[in-house]
Amino acid sequence: MVKREVLYFEDYGAQNTTQTIKAAKKTALKLDLKYVVVATATGSTAVKTAKAFKNTNIKVVAVTEYAGMAKFSEANRNKLQQMNTTIITSTHAFLSPAESIPKLHTGHCSENTLIKDVLRRFSQGMKVAPEIVMMATDAGAIPPSTDVLSIAGTGKGADTCIIAKSCHSDDFFDKQNGMEIREIIAMPRKKRFW
């Protein structure tokens, strides 16, 4: 049996970013993890994460929103590149052409929508955290079947942190190679749904 502290924030949002990153670093160092994946829209949360993990042997991978949606700052991109942070921009793992069907056919619900909505019951970040692990694995930035620390949030900043076993998106439900959420490090008690 292992005892670890879990942070439960009363509210979601960016105000939890510093504490989330601090708890993430403490956990990653204690467990000797090799990879941290962080969701970032503008690059701001990734820069904070990369600074926190500077001078460690932990590789930081920043995962942006997909091209055309990302509002990633060039200044942040430059800062991250100077800190040897890998930046991934790709299609969201839980986004597919099936997601466009409800726009044409009322009442249709894809499997991806169900997966996303179940994970959002934990928090918006809990939907994003495993998703960015798969995106980073699909892009070759982290190997499959590896314990990875994943940091995400609700809108801006970070309020959710988990340890997940990495996998490719097409292995998500695989019984041997699939996604496993191993530990929750931080998450908000209050949720926001969109």
N, C-alpha and C. Protein backbone atom coordinates (compact mmCIF):
# COMPACT_ATOMS: atom_id res chain seq x y z
N MET A 1 0.84 -1.17 0.00
CA MET A 1 0.00 0.00 0.00
C MET A 1 0.89 1.24 0.00
N VAL A 2 0.44 2.26 -0.73
CA VAL A 2 1.16 3.52 -0.83
C VAL A 2 0.23 4.63 -0.37
N LYS A 3 0.75 5.55 0.43
CA LYS A 3 -0.02 6.73 0.84
C LYS A 3 0.61 7.94 0.19
N ARG A 4 -0.24 8.72 -0.51
CA ARG A 4 0.23 9.96 -1.12
C ARG A 4 -0.83 11.03 -0.93
N GLU A 5 -0.37 12.26 -0.91
CA GLU A 5 -1.28 13.39 -0.78
C GLU A 5 -1.94 13.70 -2.12
N VAL A 6 -3.23 13.98 -2.10
CA VAL A 6 -3.97 14.41 -3.28
C VAL A 6 -4.52 15.80 -2.98
N LEU A 7 -4.32 16.73 -3.91
CA LEU A 7 -4.87 18.07 -3.75
C LEU A 7 -6.26 18.13 -4.37
N TYR A 8 -7.23 18.57 -3.59
CA TYR A 8 -8.58 18.80 -4.10
C TYR A 8 -8.86 20.28 -3.95
N PHE A 9 -8.87 21.00 -5.06
CA PHE A 9 -9.13 22.42 -5.04
C PHE A 9 -10.63 22.67 -4.93
N GLU A 10 -11.04 23.65 -4.16
CA GLU A 10 -12.47 23.96 -4.01
C GLU A 10 -13.08 24.42 -5.32
N ASP A 11 -12.30 25.13 -6.15
CA ASP A 11 -12.83 25.64 -7.42
C ASP A 11 -11.83 25.32 -8.53
N TYR A 12 -12.33 25.27 -9.75
CA TYR A 12 -11.47 25.04 -10.91
C TYR A 12 -10.81 26.35 -11.32
N GLY A 13 -9.75 26.25 -12.11
CA GLY A 13 -9.20 27.45 -12.72
C GLY A 13 -7.72 27.68 -12.53
N ALA A 14 -7.28 28.77 -13.18
CA ALA A 14 -5.87 29.12 -13.26
C ALA A 14 -5.23 29.44 -11.91
N GLN A 15 -6.02 29.84 -10.93
CA GLN A 15 -5.46 30.17 -9.62
C GLN A 15 -4.80 28.95 -8.96
N ASN A 16 -5.06 27.76 -9.48
CA ASN A 16 -4.49 26.53 -8.92
C ASN A 16 -3.19 26.09 -9.61
N THR A 17 -2.76 26.85 -10.60
CA THR A 17 -1.63 26.43 -11.43
C THR A 17 -0.35 26.20 -10.63
N THR A 18 0.04 27.16 -9.82
CA THR A 18 1.30 27.05 -9.07
C THR A 18 1.29 25.83 -8.16
N GLN A 19 0.20 25.62 -7.43
CA GLN A 19 0.12 24.47 -6.53
C GLN A 19 0.11 23.15 -7.30
N THR A 20 -0.56 23.13 -8.44
CA THR A 20 -0.62 21.92 -9.26
C THR A 20 0.77 21.55 -9.75
N ILE A 21 1.51 22.53 -10.28
CA ILE A 21 2.86 22.27 -10.79
C ILE A 21 3.80 21.86 -9.66
N LYS A 22 3.67 22.50 -8.51
CA LYS A 22 4.50 22.15 -7.36
C LYS A 22 4.25 20.69 -6.93
N ALA A 23 2.98 20.30 -6.85
CA ALA A 23 2.64 18.92 -6.48
C ALA A 23 3.12 17.94 -7.55
N ALA A 24 3.01 18.35 -8.81
CA ALA A 24 3.47 17.50 -9.92
C ALA A 24 4.97 17.24 -9.82
N LYS A 25 5.73 18.28 -9.58
CA LYS A 25 7.18 18.14 -9.49
C LYS A 25 7.56 17.25 -8.31
N LYS A 26 6.94 17.48 -7.17
CA LYS A 26 7.23 16.68 -5.98
C LYS A 26 6.97 15.19 -6.27
N THR A 27 5.85 14.90 -6.91
CA THR A 27 5.49 13.52 -7.23
C THR A 27 6.45 12.91 -8.26
N ALA A 28 6.73 13.67 -9.32
CA ALA A 28 7.60 13.16 -10.38
C ALA A 28 8.99 12.82 -9.86
N LEU A 29 9.53 13.68 -9.00
CA LEU A 29 10.85 13.43 -8.43
C LEU A 29 10.82 12.22 -7.48
N LYS A 30 9.77 12.15 -6.67
CA LYS A 30 9.66 11.04 -5.72
C LYS A 30 9.56 9.69 -6.43
N LEU A 31 8.83 9.66 -7.55
CA LEU A 31 8.61 8.41 -8.27
C LEU A 31 9.62 8.18 -9.39
N ASP A 32 10.56 9.11 -9.55
CA ASP A 32 11.60 9.01 -10.59
C ASP A 32 10.98 8.88 -11.99
N LEU A 33 9.93 9.67 -12.24
CA LEU A 33 9.30 9.67 -13.56
C LEU A 33 10.20 10.39 -14.57
N LYS A 34 10.09 10.02 -15.81
CA LYS A 34 10.97 10.57 -16.85
C LYS A 34 10.28 11.61 -17.74
N TYR A 35 8.93 11.64 -17.73
CA TYR A 35 8.19 12.52 -18.63
C TYR A 35 7.06 13.25 -17.91
N VAL A 36 6.92 14.53 -18.27
CA VAL A 36 5.78 15.33 -17.86
C VAL A 36 5.16 15.89 -19.12
N VAL A 37 3.86 15.68 -19.28
CA VAL A 37 3.12 16.21 -20.41
C VAL A 37 2.20 17.29 -19.87
N VAL A 38 2.18 18.45 -20.52
CA VAL A 38 1.37 19.56 -20.04
C VAL A 38 0.53 20.13 -21.18
N ALA A 39 -0.74 20.34 -20.91
CA ALA A 39 -1.64 20.97 -21.88
C ALA A 39 -1.42 22.48 -21.82
N THR A 40 -1.40 23.10 -22.99
CA THR A 40 -1.17 24.54 -23.02
C THR A 40 -1.78 25.15 -24.27
N ALA A 41 -2.55 26.20 -24.09
CA ALA A 41 -3.19 26.87 -25.23
C ALA A 41 -2.29 27.97 -25.78
N THR A 42 -1.77 28.81 -24.89
CA THR A 42 -0.93 29.94 -25.30
C THR A 42 0.55 29.66 -25.08
N GLY A 43 0.85 28.64 -24.30
CA GLY A 43 2.23 28.32 -23.95
C GLY A 43 2.59 28.75 -22.54
N SER A 44 1.74 29.54 -21.92
CA SER A 44 2.02 30.09 -20.59
C SER A 44 2.18 29.00 -19.52
N THR A 45 1.24 28.07 -19.45
CA THR A 45 1.32 26.99 -18.46
C THR A 45 2.52 26.09 -18.74
N ALA A 46 2.83 25.88 -20.00
CA ALA A 46 4.00 25.06 -20.36
C ALA A 46 5.29 25.74 -19.92
N VAL A 47 5.39 27.06 -20.08
CA VAL A 47 6.58 27.78 -19.65
C VAL A 47 6.76 27.65 -18.14
N LYS A 48 5.67 27.81 -17.38
CA LYS A 48 5.73 27.66 -15.92
C LYS A 48 6.18 26.24 -15.54
N THR A 49 5.65 25.27 -16.25
CA THR A 49 6.01 23.87 -15.97
C THR A 49 7.47 23.61 -16.32
N ALA A 50 7.91 24.06 -17.49
CA ALA A 50 9.30 23.85 -17.91
C ALA A 50 10.27 24.51 -16.94
N LYS A 51 9.93 25.70 -16.45
CA LYS A 51 10.79 26.38 -15.47
C LYS A 51 10.86 25.56 -14.18
N ALA A 52 9.74 25.03 -13.74
CA ALA A 52 9.71 24.24 -12.51
C ALA A 52 10.55 22.97 -12.63
N PHE A 53 10.58 22.37 -13.82
CA PHE A 53 11.31 21.11 -14.02
C PHE A 53 12.72 21.31 -14.56
N LYS A 54 13.13 22.57 -14.69
CA LYS A 54 14.49 22.86 -15.15
C LYS A 54 15.48 22.26 -14.14
N ASN A 55 16.60 21.80 -14.63
CA ASN A 55 17.65 21.18 -13.81
C ASN A 55 17.21 19.85 -13.18
N THR A 56 16.24 19.19 -13.79
CA THR A 56 15.90 17.82 -13.41
C THR A 56 16.16 16.96 -14.65
N ASN A 57 16.07 15.68 -14.52
CA ASN A 57 16.23 14.79 -15.67
C ASN A 57 14.88 14.41 -16.25
N ILE A 58 13.88 15.24 -16.00
CA ILE A 58 12.52 14.95 -16.46
C ILE A 58 12.24 15.75 -17.73
N LYS A 59 11.83 15.04 -18.77
CA LYS A 59 11.53 15.66 -20.06
C LYS A 59 10.13 16.26 -20.03
N VAL A 60 10.01 17.55 -20.39
CA VAL A 60 8.71 18.22 -20.45
C VAL A 60 8.25 18.25 -21.90
N VAL A 61 7.01 17.81 -22.11
CA VAL A 61 6.38 17.83 -23.43
C VAL A 61 5.14 18.71 -23.33
N ALA A 62 5.10 19.78 -24.12
CA ALA A 62 3.96 20.69 -24.15
C ALA A 62 3.05 20.30 -25.31
N VAL A 63 1.77 20.12 -25.02
CA VAL A 63 0.80 19.74 -26.06
C VAL A 63 -0.19 20.89 -26.22
N THR A 64 -0.23 21.44 -27.42
CA THR A 64 -1.10 22.57 -27.72
C THR A 64 -2.44 22.09 -28.28
N GLU A 65 -3.33 23.03 -28.48
CA GLU A 65 -4.55 22.69 -29.20
C GLU A 65 -4.19 22.49 -30.67
N TYR A 66 -5.10 21.92 -31.43
CA TYR A 66 -4.78 21.61 -32.81
C TYR A 66 -4.61 22.87 -33.66
N ALA A 67 -3.89 22.72 -34.78
CA ALA A 67 -3.59 23.85 -35.66
C ALA A 67 -4.88 24.52 -36.10
N GLY A 68 -4.87 25.83 -36.10
CA GLY A 68 -6.06 26.59 -36.45
C GLY A 68 -6.84 27.00 -35.22
N MET A 69 -6.73 26.23 -34.15
CA MET A 69 -7.39 26.57 -32.90
C MET A 69 -6.37 27.12 -31.89
N ALA A 70 -5.12 26.66 -32.01
CA ALA A 70 -4.07 27.07 -31.08
C ALA A 70 -3.79 28.56 -31.19
N LYS A 71 -3.65 29.20 -30.05
CA LYS A 71 -3.27 30.61 -29.99
C LYS A 71 -1.94 30.69 -29.27
N PHE A 72 -1.02 29.86 -29.71
CA PHE A 72 0.28 29.71 -29.05
C PHE A 72 1.15 30.94 -29.31
N SER A 73 1.68 31.52 -28.28
CA SER A 73 2.52 32.71 -28.37
C SER A 73 3.91 32.35 -28.88
N GLU A 74 4.41 33.12 -29.84
CA GLU A 74 5.76 32.89 -30.35
C GLU A 74 6.81 33.13 -29.27
N ALA A 75 6.56 34.10 -28.40
CA ALA A 75 7.49 34.36 -27.29
C ALA A 75 7.57 33.14 -26.39
N ASN A 76 6.42 32.52 -26.09
CA ASN A 76 6.42 31.31 -25.27
C ASN A 76 7.08 30.15 -26.00
N ARG A 77 6.84 30.05 -27.30
CA ARG A 77 7.47 28.99 -28.09
C ARG A 77 9.00 29.10 -27.99
N ASN A 78 9.51 30.33 -28.12
CA ASN A 78 10.95 30.55 -28.02
C ASN A 78 11.49 30.18 -26.65
N LYS A 79 10.77 30.57 -25.60
CA LYS A 79 11.19 30.23 -24.23
C LYS A 79 11.24 28.71 -24.04
N LEU A 80 10.21 28.02 -24.54
CA LEU A 80 10.15 26.57 -24.39
C LEU A 80 11.27 25.89 -25.17
N GLN A 81 11.54 26.38 -26.37
CA GLN A 81 12.61 25.79 -27.17
C GLN A 81 13.97 25.98 -26.49
N GLN A 82 14.16 27.13 -25.83
CA GLN A 82 15.41 27.38 -25.10
C GLN A 82 15.56 26.43 -23.91
N MET A 83 14.43 25.95 -23.38
CA MET A 83 14.46 25.01 -22.25
C MET A 83 14.35 23.56 -22.72
N ASN A 84 14.55 23.32 -24.03
CA ASN A 84 14.51 21.97 -24.61
C ASN A 84 13.19 21.25 -24.37
N THR A 85 12.10 21.99 -24.40
CA THR A 85 10.77 21.41 -24.25
C THR A 85 10.25 21.01 -25.63
N THR A 86 9.76 19.79 -25.75
CA THR A 86 9.14 19.35 -27.00
C THR A 86 7.74 19.94 -27.07
N ILE A 87 7.37 20.48 -28.23
CA ILE A 87 6.05 21.07 -28.42
C ILE A 87 5.30 20.24 -29.47
N ILE A 88 4.13 19.75 -29.10
CA ILE A 88 3.30 18.93 -29.98
C ILE A 88 2.02 19.69 -30.31
N THR A 89 1.72 19.82 -31.59
CA THR A 89 0.44 20.37 -32.05
C THR A 89 -0.17 19.32 -32.96
N SER A 90 -1.30 18.76 -32.56
CA SER A 90 -1.92 17.72 -33.38
C SER A 90 -3.42 17.66 -33.08
N THR A 91 -4.10 16.82 -33.81
CA THR A 91 -5.52 16.61 -33.56
C THR A 91 -5.71 16.05 -32.17
N HIS A 92 -6.70 16.53 -31.46
CA HIS A 92 -7.00 15.99 -30.13
C HIS A 92 -7.30 14.50 -30.25
N ALA A 93 -6.82 13.73 -29.32
CA ALA A 93 -7.01 12.28 -29.37
C ALA A 93 -8.49 11.89 -29.33
N PHE A 94 -9.32 12.70 -28.65
CA PHE A 94 -10.75 12.41 -28.58
C PHE A 94 -11.56 13.20 -29.60
N LEU A 95 -10.89 13.65 -30.65
CA LEU A 95 -11.57 14.39 -31.72
C LEU A 95 -11.39 13.61 -33.01
N SER A 96 -12.46 13.46 -33.75
CA SER A 96 -12.38 12.72 -35.01
C SER A 96 -13.47 13.24 -35.93
N PRO A 97 -13.49 12.78 -37.18
CA PRO A 97 -14.57 13.18 -38.08
C PRO A 97 -15.96 12.86 -37.53
N ALA A 98 -16.04 11.82 -36.69
CA ALA A 98 -17.34 11.45 -36.10
C ALA A 98 -17.92 12.59 -35.27
N GLU A 99 -17.06 13.46 -34.74
CA GLU A 99 -17.53 14.58 -33.92
C GLU A 99 -18.29 15.61 -34.75
N SER A 100 -18.13 15.59 -36.07
CA SER A 100 -18.83 16.57 -36.92
C SER A 100 -20.24 16.11 -37.29
N ILE A 101 -20.56 14.84 -37.07
CA ILE A 101 -21.88 14.31 -37.44
C ILE A 101 -23.02 15.01 -36.70
N PRO A 102 -22.92 15.26 -35.36
CA PRO A 102 -24.03 15.93 -34.67
C PRO A 102 -24.34 17.33 -35.21
N LYS A 103 -23.38 17.94 -35.89
CA LYS A 103 -23.63 19.25 -36.50
C LYS A 103 -24.64 19.13 -37.64
N LEU A 104 -24.72 17.96 -38.25
CA LEU A 104 -25.64 17.72 -39.36
C LEU A 104 -26.86 16.92 -38.95
N HIS A 105 -26.70 16.03 -37.98
CA HIS A 105 -27.77 15.11 -37.60
C HIS A 105 -28.05 15.22 -36.10
N THR A 106 -29.08 15.93 -35.77
CA THR A 106 -29.46 16.12 -34.37
C THR A 106 -29.70 14.77 -33.69
N GLY A 107 -29.22 14.65 -32.47
CA GLY A 107 -29.45 13.43 -31.71
C GLY A 107 -28.35 12.41 -31.80
N HIS A 108 -27.39 12.62 -32.73
CA HIS A 108 -26.28 11.67 -32.84
C HIS A 108 -25.24 11.98 -31.77
N CYS A 109 -24.68 10.95 -31.18
CA CYS A 109 -23.63 11.11 -30.17
C CYS A 109 -22.54 10.10 -30.47
N SER A 110 -21.32 10.57 -30.68
CA SER A 110 -20.21 9.66 -30.99
C SER A 110 -19.66 9.02 -29.73
N GLU A 111 -18.91 7.95 -29.92
CA GLU A 111 -18.25 7.29 -28.80
C GLU A 111 -17.28 8.25 -28.11
N ASN A 112 -16.59 9.07 -28.91
CA ASN A 112 -15.65 10.04 -28.35
C ASN A 112 -16.35 11.03 -27.43
N THR A 113 -17.54 11.46 -27.79
CA THR A 113 -18.30 12.38 -26.94
C THR A 113 -18.63 11.73 -25.61
N LEU A 114 -19.01 10.46 -25.64
CA LEU A 114 -19.30 9.75 -24.39
C LEU A 114 -18.06 9.63 -23.51
N ILE A 115 -16.92 9.28 -24.11
CA ILE A 115 -15.68 9.17 -23.35
C ILE A 115 -15.34 10.52 -22.72
N LYS A 116 -15.39 11.59 -23.52
CA LYS A 116 -15.05 12.92 -23.02
C LYS A 116 -15.98 13.33 -21.87
N ASP A 117 -17.28 13.10 -22.05
CA ASP A 117 -18.24 13.52 -21.03
C ASP A 117 -18.10 12.73 -19.72
N VAL A 118 -17.76 11.47 -19.81
CA VAL A 118 -17.52 10.69 -18.58
C VAL A 118 -16.28 11.23 -17.86
N LEU A 119 -15.21 11.45 -18.58
CA LEU A 119 -13.98 11.97 -17.95
C LEU A 119 -14.20 13.37 -17.36
N ARG A 120 -15.03 14.17 -17.99
CA ARG A 120 -15.32 15.52 -17.47
C ARG A 120 -16.07 15.49 -16.14
N ARG A 121 -16.68 14.37 -15.79
CA ARG A 121 -17.34 14.25 -14.47
C ARG A 121 -16.29 14.38 -13.37
N PHE A 122 -15.05 13.99 -13.67
CA PHE A 122 -13.94 14.19 -12.72
C PHE A 122 -13.49 15.65 -12.77
N SER A 123 -13.21 16.14 -13.98
CA SER A 123 -12.88 17.55 -14.22
C SER A 123 -12.56 17.69 -15.71
N GLN A 124 -12.61 18.92 -16.19
CA GLN A 124 -12.23 19.17 -17.58
C GLN A 124 -10.79 18.72 -17.80
N GLY A 125 -9.94 19.00 -16.83
CA GLY A 125 -8.54 18.57 -16.94
C GLY A 125 -8.38 17.07 -16.98
N MET A 126 -9.30 16.34 -16.34
CA MET A 126 -9.23 14.87 -16.37
C MET A 126 -9.57 14.34 -17.75
N LYS A 127 -10.32 15.08 -18.53
CA LYS A 127 -10.56 14.71 -19.92
C LYS A 127 -9.30 14.99 -20.75
N VAL A 128 -8.66 16.12 -20.48
CA VAL A 128 -7.51 16.55 -21.26
C VAL A 128 -6.25 15.76 -20.90
N ALA A 129 -6.06 15.45 -19.62
CA ALA A 129 -4.80 14.81 -19.18
C ALA A 129 -4.50 13.50 -19.90
N PRO A 130 -5.42 12.54 -19.97
CA PRO A 130 -5.09 11.32 -20.73
C PRO A 130 -5.01 11.59 -22.24
N GLU A 131 -5.79 12.54 -22.70
CA GLU A 131 -5.80 12.89 -24.12
C GLU A 131 -4.42 13.37 -24.58
N ILE A 132 -3.80 14.26 -23.80
CA ILE A 132 -2.49 14.79 -24.21
C ILE A 132 -1.39 13.74 -24.09
N VAL A 133 -1.57 12.79 -23.18
CA VAL A 133 -0.60 11.68 -23.10
C VAL A 133 -0.66 10.88 -24.40
N MET A 134 -1.86 10.60 -24.89
CA MET A 134 -1.99 9.86 -26.15
C MET A 134 -1.44 10.68 -27.32
N MET A 135 -1.73 11.98 -27.33
CA MET A 135 -1.23 12.84 -28.41
C MET A 135 0.30 12.84 -28.44
N ALA A 136 0.93 12.93 -27.26
CA ALA A 136 2.39 12.93 -27.19
C ALA A 136 2.96 11.56 -27.58
N THR A 137 2.25 10.49 -27.21
CA THR A 137 2.69 9.14 -27.59
C THR A 137 2.54 8.94 -29.09
N ASP A 138 1.39 9.36 -29.65
CA ASP A 138 1.17 9.24 -31.10
C ASP A 138 2.23 10.01 -31.88
N ALA A 139 2.70 11.15 -31.34
CA ALA A 139 3.70 11.97 -32.02
C ALA A 139 5.13 11.47 -31.82
N GLY A 140 5.30 10.45 -30.96
CA GLY A 140 6.63 9.89 -30.73
C GLY A 140 7.44 10.64 -29.69
N ALA A 141 6.82 11.57 -28.94
CA ALA A 141 7.54 12.34 -27.94
C ALA A 141 7.75 11.57 -26.64
N ILE A 142 6.88 10.59 -26.38
CA ILE A 142 7.04 9.71 -25.22
C ILE A 142 6.76 8.28 -25.68
N PRO A 143 7.39 7.30 -25.05
CA PRO A 143 7.15 5.91 -25.45
C PRO A 143 5.85 5.38 -24.84
N PRO A 144 5.23 4.39 -25.48
CA PRO A 144 4.05 3.76 -24.89
C PRO A 144 4.41 2.92 -23.67
N SER A 145 3.41 2.62 -22.85
CA SER A 145 3.56 1.78 -21.66
C SER A 145 4.55 2.35 -20.65
N THR A 146 4.52 3.66 -20.49
CA THR A 146 5.40 4.36 -19.56
C THR A 146 4.55 5.20 -18.61
N ASP A 147 4.88 5.19 -17.33
CA ASP A 147 4.19 6.08 -16.40
C ASP A 147 4.60 7.52 -16.68
N VAL A 148 3.59 8.35 -16.93
CA VAL A 148 3.80 9.75 -17.33
C VAL A 148 2.97 10.64 -16.42
N LEU A 149 3.56 11.75 -15.99
CA LEU A 149 2.80 12.75 -15.24
C LEU A 149 2.13 13.65 -16.26
N SER A 150 0.84 13.91 -16.09
CA SER A 150 0.10 14.73 -17.03
C SER A 150 -0.60 15.87 -16.29
N ILE A 151 -0.40 17.09 -16.79
CA ILE A 151 -0.95 18.30 -16.17
C ILE A 151 -1.90 18.97 -17.16
N ALA A 152 -3.11 19.30 -16.68
CA ALA A 152 -4.10 19.95 -17.53
C ALA A 152 -4.96 20.86 -16.67
N GLY A 153 -5.91 21.53 -17.29
CA GLY A 153 -6.74 22.45 -16.52
C GLY A 153 -8.12 22.65 -17.10
N THR A 154 -8.80 23.61 -16.52
CA THR A 154 -10.15 23.98 -16.93
C THR A 154 -10.08 25.36 -17.56
N GLY A 155 -10.00 25.42 -18.86
CA GLY A 155 -9.91 26.71 -19.54
C GLY A 155 -8.50 27.23 -19.58
N LYS A 156 -8.06 27.87 -18.51
CA LYS A 156 -6.70 28.42 -18.43
C LYS A 156 -5.98 27.83 -17.24
N GLY A 157 -4.66 27.76 -17.35
CA GLY A 157 -3.87 27.29 -16.22
C GLY A 157 -4.00 25.79 -16.02
N ALA A 158 -3.64 25.37 -14.80
CA ALA A 158 -3.67 23.94 -14.47
C ALA A 158 -4.35 23.72 -13.13
N ASP A 159 -5.27 22.76 -13.10
CA ASP A 159 -5.94 22.39 -11.85
C ASP A 159 -6.10 20.87 -11.71
N THR A 160 -5.52 20.14 -12.65
CA THR A 160 -5.63 18.68 -12.64
C THR A 160 -4.26 18.08 -12.97
N CYS A 161 -3.91 17.03 -12.24
CA CYS A 161 -2.65 16.34 -12.49
C CYS A 161 -2.85 14.86 -12.18
N ILE A 162 -2.41 14.01 -13.10
CA ILE A 162 -2.52 12.57 -12.92
C ILE A 162 -1.22 11.89 -13.33
N ILE A 163 -1.10 10.64 -12.93
CA ILE A 163 -0.08 9.76 -13.50
C ILE A 163 -0.85 8.75 -14.34
N ALA A 164 -0.45 8.62 -15.60
CA ALA A 164 -1.13 7.69 -16.50
C ALA A 164 -0.10 6.82 -17.20
N LYS A 165 -0.51 5.61 -17.51
CA LYS A 165 0.32 4.75 -18.35
C LYS A 165 0.06 5.18 -19.79
N SER A 166 1.12 5.55 -20.48
CA SER A 166 0.97 6.07 -21.84
C SER A 166 0.56 4.98 -22.82
N CYS A 167 -0.14 5.43 -23.86
CA CYS A 167 -0.53 4.53 -24.95
C CYS A 167 -0.82 5.36 -26.18
N HIS A 168 -0.86 4.68 -27.31
CA HIS A 168 -1.30 5.31 -28.55
C HIS A 168 -2.82 5.43 -28.51
N SER A 169 -3.35 6.42 -29.21
CA SER A 169 -4.80 6.66 -29.15
C SER A 169 -5.61 5.46 -29.64
N ASP A 170 -5.09 4.69 -30.58
CA ASP A 170 -5.86 3.54 -31.06
C ASP A 170 -5.75 2.33 -30.12
N ASP A 171 -5.01 2.48 -29.03
CA ASP A 171 -4.93 1.44 -28.01
C ASP A 171 -5.65 1.83 -26.72
N PHE A 172 -6.38 2.92 -26.71
CA PHE A 172 -6.97 3.46 -25.49
C PHE A 172 -7.66 2.39 -24.64
N PHE A 173 -8.48 1.53 -25.26
CA PHE A 173 -9.22 0.50 -24.52
C PHE A 173 -8.54 -0.87 -24.53
N ASP A 174 -7.36 -0.98 -25.11
CA ASP A 174 -6.67 -2.27 -25.16
C ASP A 174 -6.39 -2.77 -23.74
N LYS A 175 -6.66 -4.05 -23.51
CA LYS A 175 -6.52 -4.62 -22.16
C LYS A 175 -5.07 -4.75 -21.71
N GLN A 176 -4.14 -4.86 -22.63
CA GLN A 176 -2.72 -4.95 -22.28
C GLN A 176 -1.99 -3.61 -22.43
N ASN A 177 -2.22 -2.95 -23.55
CA ASN A 177 -1.45 -1.75 -23.89
C ASN A 177 -2.21 -0.45 -23.71
N GLY A 178 -3.41 -0.53 -23.17
CA GLY A 178 -4.28 0.64 -23.09
C GLY A 178 -3.95 1.62 -21.98
N MET A 179 -4.70 2.70 -21.97
CA MET A 179 -4.56 3.77 -20.99
C MET A 179 -4.93 3.27 -19.61
N GLU A 180 -4.11 3.63 -18.65
CA GLU A 180 -4.42 3.37 -17.24
C GLU A 180 -4.17 4.67 -16.48
N ILE A 181 -5.16 5.14 -15.77
CA ILE A 181 -4.96 6.28 -14.89
C ILE A 181 -4.50 5.69 -13.57
N ARG A 182 -3.23 5.88 -13.27
CA ARG A 182 -2.60 5.23 -12.13
C ARG A 182 -2.83 5.99 -10.82
N GLU A 183 -2.74 7.32 -10.88
CA GLU A 183 -2.90 8.12 -9.67
C GLU A 183 -3.46 9.50 -10.02
N ILE A 184 -4.20 10.05 -9.08
CA ILE A 184 -4.66 11.43 -9.17
C ILE A 184 -3.81 12.23 -8.19
N ILE A 185 -3.17 13.27 -8.70
CA ILE A 185 -2.32 14.13 -7.87
C ILE A 185 -3.10 15.37 -7.45
N ALA A 186 -3.91 15.91 -8.37
CA ALA A 186 -4.68 17.11 -8.08
C ALA A 186 -5.89 17.18 -9.01
N MET A 187 -6.99 17.74 -8.47
CA MET A 187 -8.17 18.01 -9.30
C MET A 187 -9.12 18.93 -8.54
N PRO A 188 -9.93 19.69 -9.28
CA PRO A 188 -10.88 20.57 -8.61
C PRO A 188 -12.14 19.82 -8.20
N ARG A 189 -12.72 20.25 -7.07
CA ARG A 189 -13.99 19.66 -6.63
C ARG A 189 -15.15 20.22 -7.44
N LYS A 190 -15.14 21.52 -7.71
CA LYS A 190 -16.19 22.15 -8.52
C LYS A 190 -15.82 21.98 -10.00
N LYS A 191 -16.82 21.70 -10.83
CA LYS A 191 -16.57 21.42 -12.25
C LYS A 191 -17.15 22.51 -13.14
N ARG A 192 -16.61 22.60 -14.36
CA ARG A 192 -17.19 23.43 -15.39
C ARG A 192 -17.35 22.56 -16.62
N PHE A 193 -18.52 22.59 -17.19
CA PHE A 193 -18.80 21.77 -18.38
C PHE A 193 -19.05 22.69 -19.57
N TRP A 194 -18.51 22.29 -20.72
CA TRP A 194 -18.87 22.97 -21.94
C TRP A 194 -19.13 22.06 -23.07
